[in-house]
């Protein structure tokens, strides 16, 4: 059994300044065996690409075989690991019943109720927001919403992003990759 700890942070954009509020609570999330193809090796889901069920995944095995880093197949972090380590093809277990933190970015023209509409979609899709950061760009009248949400699968993430993109004034909604 593995446990993952998440620190909840909420940030609100106020004009050109940022106000952040840390909720200092640590949430323990139980993570079962989610990956097949590892045998008894321990693993860690890479923070750089945040793989979720539905993504094609690979494992980067360090020389000491201590802990396999699980990456999306298209992750630059995995490509860097290919030089120093071994790469193995992995797959998700058929029944994954946990949620995964994924960073999302929404670019939109600012309007009253935009954040309400975006979080309403997440509410109706039964997804939790772990962190939110709103950046107001006064000169262009645009706003960037950076959210970390919990999703169960790639299909669910795609459905959420498509619904957000259909909102009025939204330019784009996409998954962010931390490189």
Foldseek 3Di string as FASTA:
>chain_A
DDKDWAWFKEWEADAQDIDIDTPPDIDIFDFDPWKPDPPPQAEDEDPQAFDAAVFFWKWWQAPVSRYTYIHGPPDPVVVVSVVHTPIGGMHTDPDGDGWTKFKKKWKFQDDPCLVVVLVVLCVVLVKDWRYWHWHADVVVSMIMIITIIIDRGPVSVVVSQVVSCPDPGIPGMDTDGHD
